[in-house]
Amino acid sequence: MKKTLEFKAHDGEIEDIALGPDNKVVTAGRDFQCCVWQQDQLLPLTSLPPCSDSGTFLGLGTVTGSVAIHIAFSLQRLYYVKEAHGIVVTDVAFVPESWPGRELLGGHEAALLSVAVDSRCKLHLLPARRSLPVWLLLLLCAGLIVATILLLQLAFPGFL
């Protein structure tokens, strides 16, 4: 093997390296940092100590006890609780969407369990995101078009 690049990524040893889609590399170090790399570039979202992936969402727990849920493909943060635990979060896991997990989910989009060094387990519920039904969106667009035509008719008589 031949070294192609060398740069300082972590303070101390690297604990784990994982290859992801689109030639991305994820490194986890003893400095409690998790970094996402594409070739030799550090991607914008850094500092992601212990992680759990549901496929749709990415759950994060930090050394300060904070817990967050991000959208997996864009890394947009949807949920964040600063210092949900008083100490290091040691593990996070999404509740499966199978039959027993549906009872915990209720009307929520996702449920994340977090465990910390203080031996406490907490359930974090991600509220369902609201969206407009397609029929309502189409109705609003049609109303906007009619209103525009009426305003143009008032402003410029004989427009039609």
Protein backbone atom coordinates (compact mmCIF):
# COMPACT_ATOMS: atom_id res chain seq x y z
CA MET A 1 0.00 0.00 0.00
CA LYS A 2 1.14 3.49 -0.79
CA LYS A 3 0.17 6.63 1.15
CA THR A 4 -1.54 9.22 -1.04
CA LEU A 5 -2.55 11.89 1.50
CA GLU A 6 -1.55 12.82 5.03
CA PHE A 7 -3.14 15.44 7.28
CA LYS A 8 -4.01 15.89 10.93
CA ALA A 9 -7.55 14.70 11.53
CA HIS A 10 -7.76 13.86 15.23
CA ASP A 11 -5.94 14.52 18.48
CA GLY A 12 -4.71 11.05 19.38
CA GLU A 13 -5.47 7.68 17.86
CA ILE A 14 -8.26 6.85 15.42
CA GLU A 15 -10.69 4.32 16.90
CA ASP A 16 -12.69 3.46 13.79
CA ILE A 17 -12.91 4.19 10.07
CA ALA A 18 -15.98 3.52 7.94
CA LEU A 19 -16.52 3.94 4.20
CA GLY A 20 -19.80 5.53 3.18
CA PRO A 21 -21.62 6.33 -0.06
CA ASP A 22 -20.18 8.80 -2.57
CA ASN A 23 -16.58 8.03 -1.49
CA LYS A 24 -17.14 9.51 1.96
CA VAL A 25 -15.05 8.35 4.90
CA VAL A 26 -16.12 8.62 8.54
CA THR A 27 -13.43 8.59 11.23
CA ALA A 28 -13.94 8.33 14.99
CA GLY A 29 -11.04 9.20 17.25
CA ARG A 30 -10.07 8.95 20.89
CA ASP A 31 -10.61 12.72 21.04
CA PHE A 32 -14.38 11.95 21.05
CA GLN A 33 -14.79 13.45 17.58
CA CYS A 34 -16.43 11.89 14.56
CA CYS A 35 -15.49 13.46 11.22
CA VAL A 36 -16.97 13.01 7.76
CA TRP A 37 -14.47 13.34 4.89
CA GLN A 38 -14.80 13.42 1.14
CA GLN A 39 -11.40 12.81 -0.42
CA ASP A 40 -9.13 15.17 1.54
CA GLN A 41 -11.86 17.66 2.55
CA LEU A 42 -13.54 17.75 5.96
CA LEU A 43 -17.30 18.10 5.39
CA PRO A 44 -19.12 20.88 7.28
CA LEU A 45 -20.76 18.76 9.98
CA THR A 46 -18.14 17.70 12.51
CA SER A 47 -18.00 16.58 16.12
CA LEU A 48 -20.50 13.72 16.03
CA PRO A 49 -19.62 11.39 19.01
CA PRO A 50 -21.63 8.20 19.33
CA CYS A 51 -24.11 7.84 16.36
CA SER A 52 -27.13 5.73 15.38
CA ASP A 53 -28.64 5.61 11.87
CA SER A 54 -32.24 4.62 11.12
CA GLY A 55 -31.83 5.04 7.36
CA THR A 56 -33.89 8.22 7.34
CA PHE A 57 -32.52 9.90 10.45
CA LEU A 58 -29.17 10.09 12.21
CA GLY A 59 -29.22 10.13 16.01
CA LEU A 60 -26.34 11.72 17.90
CA GLY A 61 -25.25 11.77 21.51
CA THR A 62 -22.36 13.94 22.70
CA VAL A 63 -19.78 13.92 25.46
CA THR A 64 -21.61 16.85 27.09
CA GLY A 65 -24.85 14.85 27.32
CA SER A 66 -26.68 16.54 24.44
CA VAL A 67 -28.86 14.56 22.02
CA ALA A 68 -29.75 15.46 18.42
CA ILE A 69 -31.61 13.96 15.45
CA HIS A 70 -30.58 14.92 11.90
CA ILE A 71 -31.96 14.03 8.47
CA ALA A 72 -29.52 11.38 7.20
CA PHE A 73 -29.12 12.59 3.60
CA SER A 74 -28.78 16.33 4.25
CA LEU A 75 -27.62 16.37 7.89
CA GLN A 76 -30.22 19.08 8.67
CA ARG A 77 -30.89 19.15 12.42
CA LEU A 78 -34.53 18.44 13.30
CA TYR A 79 -34.27 17.91 17.06
CA TYR A 80 -31.79 19.00 19.72
CA VAL A 81 -31.77 18.85 23.51
CA LYS A 82 -28.77 20.47 25.16
CA GLU A 83 -27.48 18.38 28.06
CA ALA A 84 -30.38 15.90 28.02
CA HIS A 85 -28.09 13.83 30.24
CA GLY A 86 -25.76 15.27 32.84
CA ILE A 87 -22.77 13.37 31.46
CA VAL A 88 -21.44 11.49 28.40
CA VAL A 89 -24.05 9.79 26.19
CA THR A 90 -22.74 6.27 25.68
CA ASP A 91 -25.31 4.93 23.23
CA VAL A 92 -28.25 5.99 21.09
CA ALA A 93 -30.65 3.76 19.17
CA PHE A 94 -33.81 4.34 17.17
CA VAL A 95 -36.95 2.49 18.22
CA PRO A 96 -37.83 0.09 15.38
CA GLU A 97 -40.98 0.83 13.41
CA SER A 98 -42.17 -2.76 13.89
CA TRP A 99 -45.27 -3.60 15.97
CA PRO A 100 -43.86 -3.15 19.51
CA GLY A 101 -42.11 0.10 18.52
CA ARG A 102 -45.26 1.63 17.03
CA GLU A 103 -46.78 1.93 20.50
CA LEU A 104 -43.88 4.16 21.60
CA LEU A 105 -43.94 6.15 18.37
CA GLY A 106 -47.61 7.09 18.62
CA GLY A 107 -48.09 9.92 16.12
CA HIS A 108 -44.40 10.84 16.09
CA GLU A 109 -42.06 10.43 13.13
CA ALA A 110 -39.21 8.77 15.07
CA ALA A 111 -38.23 7.77 18.59
CA LEU A 112 -34.62 7.74 19.81
CA LEU A 113 -33.41 6.11 23.02
CA SER A 114 -30.31 7.56 24.64
CA VAL A 115 -28.21 6.07 27.45
CA ALA A 116 -25.55 7.90 29.43
CA VAL A 117 -22.82 7.10 31.93
CA ASP A 118 -25.28 8.09 34.70
CA SER A 119 -27.17 4.84 33.82
CA ARG A 120 -30.28 6.73 32.73
CA CYS A 121 -32.21 5.97 29.58
CA LYS A 122 -34.28 8.70 27.94
CA LEU A 123 -36.78 8.55 25.09
CA HIS A 124 -36.66 11.41 22.56
CA LEU A 125 -39.68 11.77 20.27
CA LEU A 126 -39.41 13.58 16.94
CA PRO A 127 -42.77 15.25 16.20
CA ALA A 128 -44.31 14.50 12.83
CA ARG A 129 -43.51 17.24 10.35
CA ARG A 130 -46.58 18.95 9.02
CA SER A 131 -47.16 19.36 5.33
CA LEU A 132 -49.97 20.67 3.17
CA PRO A 133 -52.07 18.14 1.27
CA VAL A 134 -51.57 18.36 -2.49
CA TRP A 135 -55.23 19.21 -3.09
CA LEU A 136 -55.00 22.20 -0.74
CA LEU A 137 -51.82 23.41 -2.46
CA LEU A 138 -53.51 23.17 -5.88
CA LEU A 139 -56.57 25.00 -4.55
CA LEU A 140 -54.38 27.81 -3.19
CA CYS A 141 -52.55 28.11 -6.53
CA ALA A 142 -55.84 28.29 -8.44
CA GLY A 143 -57.10 30.97 -6.03
CA LEU A 144 -53.90 32.95 -6.52
CA ILE A 145 -54.29 32.83 -10.32
CA VAL A 146 -57.94 33.96 -10.14
CA ALA A 147 -57.04 36.79 -7.72
CA THR A 148 -54.20 37.93 -10.03
CA ILE A 149 -56.52 38.01 -13.05
CA LEU A 150 -59.16 39.99 -11.10
CA LEU A 151 -56.54 42.51 -9.91
CA LEU A 152 -55.22 42.93 -13.44
CA GLN A 153 -58.80 43.46 -14.70
CA LEU A 154 -59.35 46.17 -12.04
CA ALA A 155 -56.03 47.88 -12.75
CA PHE A 156 -56.32 47.69 -16.54
CA PRO A 157 -59.98 47.71 -17.69
CA GLY A 158 -60.44 45.73 -20.87
CA PHE A 159 -57.52 43.44 -19.94
CA LEU A 160 -59.49 40.35 -20.93
